[in-house]
Amino acid sequence: MANHDSWCSFEGCCGRRNGTARLIDARMPELARCLTLFQYVQAVTGGPVARIDQAGSYAVPSLRGEAFAVRPGSIALRIDSAGVDTAVVARDEDTGSVALRLLDAEGRTVHQGRLLSEGDRLLSGLARTVDAGASAAGPPVVPDVPEWESGDQLAQLDAVLADGGAARREAFHRYRGEHRPIEVDVVPAVLDHVCSVGLPIGVAVFAPAAMQACGGRVHVTDRTVGGRVFAAVAESSVEIDLAGVRACHLVRSTAAHGPTSALELDDEDGRCVAVITQFGMVGEDVHAAWEHLAASLPDASTRLRSR
């Protein structure tokens, strides 16, 4: 089984013994106001299998069920307010670094924004604080979410955001769109190909109750001997540990240009950790090239992946 206690395994998530911390209001729209206050942040979302890292400023974060867009130069964050329990601004007294962290009910860091400028560190003091022991209690603000069985691309992403997509995957025979398992090992080749031909892609990485996404051209790819794959996508860095990916599914759902393919990567617990697709309005030639590539990917063999 995957070690979900290591969701905060990326650097800086767990804080330091010599630091100070303040609880801030984790509810929308107060949290959105706080995030968009900062001008230069290193935003990180992910876990032991997949991670995304982008420096810049936040777009207004969206909630599950709301509209969603990935815009160049902005950090696109989407959260499930029912799963974000606490928000903390923490300062490391040794280094002076300050980070805002979103925590779930189990105390796991599901998203971190490290404040990179002194001005943002000062602005963090303006964030509305809450009393110790407080959380995003009360009725969560969750707009109506379409059922994933007949829903569009965003409904599929929101189903993953709710619980890692575990319930969706268990009942995936009910999905009304096209879907098929494909070989996990083709993922590095897909990234290498889109990099070499200049085909833009979109990538979403999930942690419990949080999703961070990016879109654009892949500037460089790399792969370690241990099976970790790296891709620089527009202003973001994406890292995937292929050894931790048990299955990959190609799923087609309705998006801006009609049926659009997505590669969904699952960990060994059946939770989706990353999605590679096309987000929003792209050129018709881009969409056609992506669909041609997706159609060429081989089906997965019936054998289980060797661990």
Protein backbone atom coordinates (compact mmCIF):
# COMPACT_ATOMS: atom_id res chain seq x y z
CA MET A 1 0.00 0.00 0.00
CA ALA A 2 1.17 3.54 -0.65
CA ASN A 3 2.32 5.51 2.35
CA HIS A 4 -0.14 8.39 2.39
CA ASP A 5 1.50 9.80 5.52
CA SER A 6 4.23 10.95 3.14
CA TRP A 7 2.03 13.39 1.25
CA CYS A 8 4.16 16.12 2.85
CA SER A 9 7.37 14.50 1.65
CA PHE A 10 8.26 17.37 -0.66
CA GLU A 11 10.78 19.80 0.79
CA GLY A 12 9.57 22.28 3.34
CA CYS A 13 6.09 20.87 3.93
CA CYS A 14 6.54 19.70 7.46
CA GLY A 15 7.89 22.89 8.93
CA ARG A 16 10.83 23.22 11.31
CA ARG A 17 11.26 22.94 15.03
CA ASN A 18 12.58 26.49 15.33
CA GLY A 19 9.67 28.11 13.51
CA THR A 20 6.56 30.07 14.44
CA ALA A 21 3.13 29.58 12.94
CA ARG A 22 -0.25 31.35 12.77
CA LEU A 23 -3.58 29.82 11.91
CA ILE A 24 -5.43 31.75 9.20
CA ASP A 25 -8.96 31.52 7.87
CA ALA A 26 -9.12 28.51 5.53
CA ARG A 27 -12.63 29.27 4.27
CA MET A 28 -13.47 30.73 0.88
CA PRO A 29 -13.48 33.52 -0.11
CA GLU A 30 -11.10 34.62 2.65
CA LEU A 31 -8.51 32.03 1.65
CA ALA A 32 -8.68 33.17 -1.98
CA ARG A 33 -8.12 36.77 -0.92
CA CYS A 34 -5.10 35.73 1.09
CA LEU A 35 -3.51 33.68 -1.71
CA THR A 36 -3.98 36.33 -4.39
CA LEU A 37 -2.43 38.91 -2.07
CA PHE A 38 1.04 37.46 -2.68
CA GLN A 39 3.03 38.46 -5.75
CA TYR A 40 5.80 35.85 -5.92
CA VAL A 41 5.26 32.39 -4.48
CA GLN A 42 6.75 28.94 -4.99
CA ALA A 43 3.61 26.79 -5.10
CA VAL A 44 3.92 23.03 -4.62
CA THR A 45 1.23 20.34 -4.70
CA GLY A 46 1.68 16.59 -4.71
CA GLY A 47 2.77 13.54 -2.84
CA PRO A 48 5.20 10.64 -3.04
CA VAL A 49 4.31 9.70 -6.64
CA ALA A 50 3.70 13.04 -8.39
CA ARG A 51 4.54 16.66 -7.68
CA ILE A 52 4.14 20.03 -9.42
CA ASP A 53 6.16 23.13 -8.58
CA GLN A 54 5.62 26.63 -9.99
CA ALA A 55 6.91 30.06 -9.05
CA GLY A 56 4.69 33.05 -9.70
CA SER A 57 1.44 34.52 -8.42
CA TYR A 58 -1.86 32.78 -7.75
CA ALA A 59 -4.85 33.10 -9.99
CA VAL A 60 -8.05 33.19 -7.94
CA PRO A 61 -8.29 29.60 -6.68
CA SER A 62 -11.44 27.70 -7.57
CA LEU A 63 -13.59 25.28 -5.63
CA ARG A 64 -14.74 21.89 -6.78
CA GLY A 65 -17.86 22.49 -8.87
CA GLU A 66 -16.85 25.97 -10.07
CA ALA A 67 -15.42 27.01 -13.41
CA PHE A 68 -11.71 26.37 -13.88
CA ALA A 69 -9.04 27.80 -16.17
CA VAL A 70 -5.28 27.42 -16.60
CA ARG A 71 -3.77 30.73 -17.66
CA PRO A 72 -0.13 31.39 -18.65
CA GLY A 73 1.96 32.87 -15.86
CA SER A 74 -0.54 32.16 -13.07
CA ILE A 75 -0.66 29.40 -10.47
CA ALA A 76 -3.89 27.44 -11.00
CA LEU A 77 -5.10 25.89 -7.75
CA ARG A 78 -8.39 24.05 -7.20
CA ILE A 79 -9.49 22.78 -3.80
CA ASP A 80 -12.21 20.74 -2.19
CA SER A 81 -13.28 22.93 0.72
CA ALA A 82 -14.70 19.91 2.52
CA GLY A 83 -11.21 18.42 2.66
CA VAL A 84 -9.11 21.47 3.59
CA ASP A 85 -9.28 21.65 7.37
CA THR A 86 -6.68 24.26 8.31
CA ALA A 87 -4.44 26.92 6.77
CA VAL A 88 -1.19 27.93 8.45
CA VAL A 89 1.38 30.66 7.81
CA ALA A 90 4.70 29.45 9.24
CA ARG A 91 8.05 31.24 9.56
CA ASP A 92 11.38 29.50 9.93
CA GLU A 93 13.28 31.56 12.50
CA ASP A 94 16.65 30.23 11.29
CA THR A 95 16.27 31.14 7.61
CA GLY A 96 13.49 33.72 7.72
CA SER A 97 11.55 31.81 5.05
CA VAL A 98 7.75 31.95 5.27
CA ALA A 99 5.27 29.47 3.80
CA LEU A 100 1.51 29.15 3.68
CA ARG A 101 0.31 25.57 4.05
CA LEU A 102 -3.10 24.00 3.53
CA LEU A 103 -3.72 20.97 5.76
CA ASP A 104 -6.34 18.26 5.66
CA ALA A 105 -8.12 16.83 8.71
CA GLU A 106 -5.25 14.39 9.28
CA GLY A 107 -2.74 17.23 9.43
CA ARG A 108 -1.16 16.41 6.07
CA THR A 109 0.16 19.30 4.01
CA VAL A 110 -1.79 19.15 0.74
CA HIS A 111 -0.47 22.41 -0.72
CA GLN A 112 2.33 24.81 0.12
CA GLY A 113 3.09 28.31 -1.09
CA ARG A 114 6.55 29.48 -0.05
CA LEU A 115 6.70 33.30 -0.03
CA LEU A 116 9.77 34.31 -2.02
CA SER A 117 9.82 38.09 -1.52
CA GLU A 118 10.20 40.12 1.65
CA GLY A 119 7.17 42.18 0.65
CA ASP A 120 5.01 39.04 0.57
CA ARG A 121 6.36 37.96 3.94
CA LEU A 122 5.25 41.28 5.36
CA LEU A 123 1.86 41.00 3.64
CA SER A 124 1.36 37.57 5.21
CA GLY A 125 0.91 39.40 8.50
CA LEU A 126 -2.31 40.89 7.10
CA ALA A 127 -3.94 37.49 6.68
CA ARG A 128 -6.98 37.11 8.89
CA THR A 129 -6.15 34.83 11.81
CA VAL A 130 -8.41 32.40 13.64
CA ASP A 131 -8.29 31.01 17.16
CA ALA A 132 -6.23 27.96 18.02
CA GLY A 133 -8.17 24.79 17.32
CA ALA A 134 -10.27 26.48 14.66
CA SER A 135 -10.54 25.10 11.17
CA ALA A 136 -12.67 25.52 8.10
CA ALA A 137 -15.58 24.31 10.21
CA GLY A 138 -19.14 24.96 9.24
CA PRO A 139 -20.94 24.05 6.02
CA PRO A 140 -18.31 23.86 3.25
CA VAL A 141 -18.86 26.05 0.22
CA VAL A 142 -19.25 23.46 -2.52
CA PRO A 143 -21.21 24.35 -5.67
CA ASP A 144 -23.21 21.62 -7.39
CA VAL A 145 -20.82 19.09 -8.92
CA PRO A 146 -21.96 17.22 -12.07
CA GLU A 147 -21.99 13.45 -11.87
CA TRP A 148 -18.80 12.07 -13.38
CA GLU A 149 -20.56 9.16 -15.13
CA SER A 150 -21.90 11.47 -17.83
CA GLY A 151 -19.92 14.60 -16.99
CA ASP A 152 -17.36 16.60 -18.93
CA GLN A 153 -13.61 16.89 -18.38
CA LEU A 154 -14.02 19.09 -15.33
CA ALA A 155 -16.46 16.64 -13.74
CA GLN A 156 -13.80 13.94 -14.08
CA LEU A 157 -11.17 16.14 -12.43
CA ASP A 158 -13.55 17.04 -9.61
CA ALA A 159 -14.32 13.37 -8.99
CA VAL A 160 -10.60 12.80 -8.50
CA LEU A 161 -10.32 15.87 -6.29
CA ALA A 162 -13.04 14.57 -3.96
CA ASP A 163 -11.31 11.34 -2.86
CA GLY A 164 -8.42 10.70 -5.20
CA GLY A 165 -10.88 9.21 -7.66
CA ALA A 166 -10.99 5.92 -5.77
CA ALA A 167 -14.80 5.62 -5.83
CA ARG A 168 -14.87 6.64 -9.49
CA ARG A 169 -12.28 4.04 -10.46
CA GLU A 170 -14.10 1.26 -8.61
CA ALA A 171 -17.27 2.05 -10.55
CA PHE A 172 -15.62 3.04 -13.82
CA HIS A 173 -17.68 0.54 -15.78
CA ARG A 174 -20.48 3.10 -15.41
CA TYR A 175 -18.54 5.80 -17.26
CA ARG A 176 -20.32 6.66 -20.50
CA GLY A 177 -17.29 7.98 -22.34
CA GLU A 178 -14.41 6.16 -24.01
CA HIS A 179 -11.75 4.74 -21.72
CA ARG A 180 -9.07 2.08 -21.85
CA PRO A 181 -6.00 1.09 -19.85
CA ILE A 182 -2.68 1.81 -21.54
CA GLU A 183 0.91 0.90 -20.76
CA VAL A 184 2.44 3.03 -18.01
CA ASP A 185 5.84 2.86 -19.66
CA VAL A 186 4.68 5.02 -22.59
CA VAL A 187 4.39 8.12 -20.37
CA PRO A 188 8.07 9.18 -20.71
CA ALA A 189 7.83 8.67 -24.49
CA VAL A 190 4.71 10.85 -24.62
CA LEU A 191 6.50 13.64 -22.75
CA ASP A 192 9.59 13.30 -24.94
CA HIS A 193 7.46 13.42 -28.09
CA VAL A 194 5.44 16.50 -27.19
CA CYS A 195 8.70 18.19 -26.16
CA SER A 196 10.42 17.39 -29.47
CA VAL A 197 7.52 18.55 -31.67
CA GLY A 198 6.53 21.55 -29.54
CA LEU A 199 3.01 20.28 -28.78
CA PRO A 200 1.55 22.07 -25.73
CA ILE A 201 -0.06 19.94 -23.03
CA GLY A 202 -1.83 20.42 -19.72
CA VAL A 203 -0.85 18.64 -16.51
CA ALA A 204 -2.78 18.41 -13.24
CA VAL A 205 -1.27 16.97 -10.07
CA PHE A 206 -3.40 15.93 -7.09
CA ALA A 207 -2.98 15.81 -3.35
CA PRO A 208 -5.84 15.15 -0.91
CA ALA A 209 -8.39 17.95 -1.46
CA ALA A 210 -6.06 19.96 -3.73
CA MET A 211 -5.18 20.08 -7.42
CA GLN A 212 -2.58 22.29 -9.08
CA ALA A 213 -2.43 22.51 -12.87
CA CYS A 214 -0.27 24.01 -15.60
CA GLY A 215 -0.36 24.20 -19.37
CA GLY A 216 2.01 25.00 -22.21
CA ARG A 217 4.98 23.66 -24.10
CA VAL A 218 7.34 21.13 -22.60
CA HIS A 219 10.81 22.69 -22.62
CA VAL A 220 12.85 19.76 -21.34
CA THR A 221 12.37 16.21 -20.08
CA ASP A 222 14.62 13.91 -18.10
CA ARG A 223 14.50 10.48 -16.50
CA THR A 224 16.59 8.99 -13.70
CA VAL A 225 17.81 5.42 -13.43
CA GLY A 226 15.30 4.89 -10.63
CA GLY A 227 12.37 5.75 -12.91
CA ARG A 228 11.61 9.33 -11.87
CA VAL A 229 10.46 11.43 -14.82
CA PHE A 230 10.86 15.21 -14.94
CA ALA A 231 9.26 17.69 -17.34
CA ALA A 232 9.46 21.46 -17.48
CA VAL A 233 5.99 22.53 -18.65
CA ALA A 234 5.73 26.27 -19.34
CA GLU A 235 6.62 27.91 -15.97
CA SER A 236 6.14 24.69 -13.99
CA SER A 237 8.21 21.66 -13.08
CA VAL A 238 6.46 18.28 -12.96
CA GLU A 239 7.95 15.16 -11.39
CA ILE A 240 6.48 11.64 -11.61
CA ASP A 241 7.85 8.53 -9.92
CA LEU A 242 6.95 5.84 -12.45
CA ALA A 243 7.85 3.13 -9.95
CA GLY A 244 4.89 4.30 -7.89
CA VAL A 245 2.44 4.35 -10.82
CA ARG A 246 0.48 1.12 -10.98
CA ALA A 247 -1.87 1.90 -13.86
CA CYS A 248 -2.53 4.45 -16.58
CA HIS A 249 -5.91 5.01 -18.21
CA LEU A 250 -6.73 6.93 -21.36
CA VAL A 251 -10.08 8.63 -20.75
CA ARG A 252 -12.00 10.76 -23.25
CA SER A 253 -14.47 13.35 -22.02
CA THR A 254 -16.10 16.45 -23.46
CA ALA A 255 -14.01 19.61 -23.27
CA ALA A 256 -13.75 22.90 -25.19
CA HIS A 257 -13.00 21.21 -28.54
CA GLY A 258 -15.25 18.21 -28.04
CA PRO A 259 -14.08 14.77 -26.89
CA THR A 260 -10.60 15.19 -25.44
CA SER A 261 -8.21 12.50 -24.26
CA ALA A 262 -6.51 12.46 -20.88
CA LEU A 263 -3.86 10.15 -19.46
CA GLU A 264 -4.72 9.39 -15.82
CA LEU A 265 -1.93 7.97 -13.66
CA ASP A 266 -2.96 5.91 -10.61
CA ASP A 267 -0.88 4.95 -7.61
CA GLU A 268 -0.93 1.44 -6.12
CA ASP A 269 -4.01 2.32 -4.04
CA GLY A 270 -5.97 3.18 -7.19
CA ARG A 271 -5.89 6.92 -6.53
CA CYS A 272 -5.24 9.22 -9.47
CA VAL A 273 -2.11 11.31 -8.82
CA ALA A 274 -1.69 13.10 -12.15
CA VAL A 275 -3.52 13.81 -15.40
CA ILE A 276 -1.96 14.76 -18.76
CA THR A 277 -4.39 16.32 -21.22
CA GLN A 278 -5.43 19.55 -22.97
CA PHE A 279 -7.15 22.26 -20.91
CA GLY A 280 -9.51 24.88 -22.30
CA MET A 281 -9.24 26.54 -25.71
CA VAL A 282 -6.24 25.47 -27.76
CA GLY A 283 -5.67 25.58 -31.49
CA GLU A 284 -7.62 23.04 -33.53
CA ASP A 285 -4.30 21.75 -34.86
CA VAL A 286 -3.03 21.27 -31.30
CA HIS A 287 -6.16 19.36 -30.31
CA ALA A 288 -6.01 17.19 -33.43
CA ALA A 289 -2.32 16.39 -32.89
CA TRP A 290 -2.96 15.45 -29.26
CA GLU A 291 -5.86 13.18 -30.19
CA HIS A 292 -3.77 11.52 -32.90
CA LEU A 293 -1.03 10.85 -30.36
CA ALA A 294 -3.50 9.49 -27.79
CA ALA A 295 -5.10 7.16 -30.34
CA SER A 296 -1.69 5.68 -31.15
CA LEU A 297 -0.91 4.62 -27.57
CA PRO A 298 -0.94 0.85 -26.97
CA ASP A 299 -3.42 -0.87 -24.71
CA ALA A 300 -2.05 -2.24 -21.46
CA SER A 301 -1.37 -5.95 -21.32
CA THR A 302 -3.60 -8.01 -19.07
CA ARG A 303 -0.73 -8.88 -16.75
CA LEU A 304 -0.15 -6.85 -13.60
CA ARG A 305 2.83 -4.55 -13.57
CA SER A 306 5.84 -6.08 -11.89
CA ARG A 307 6.78 -4.17 -8.76
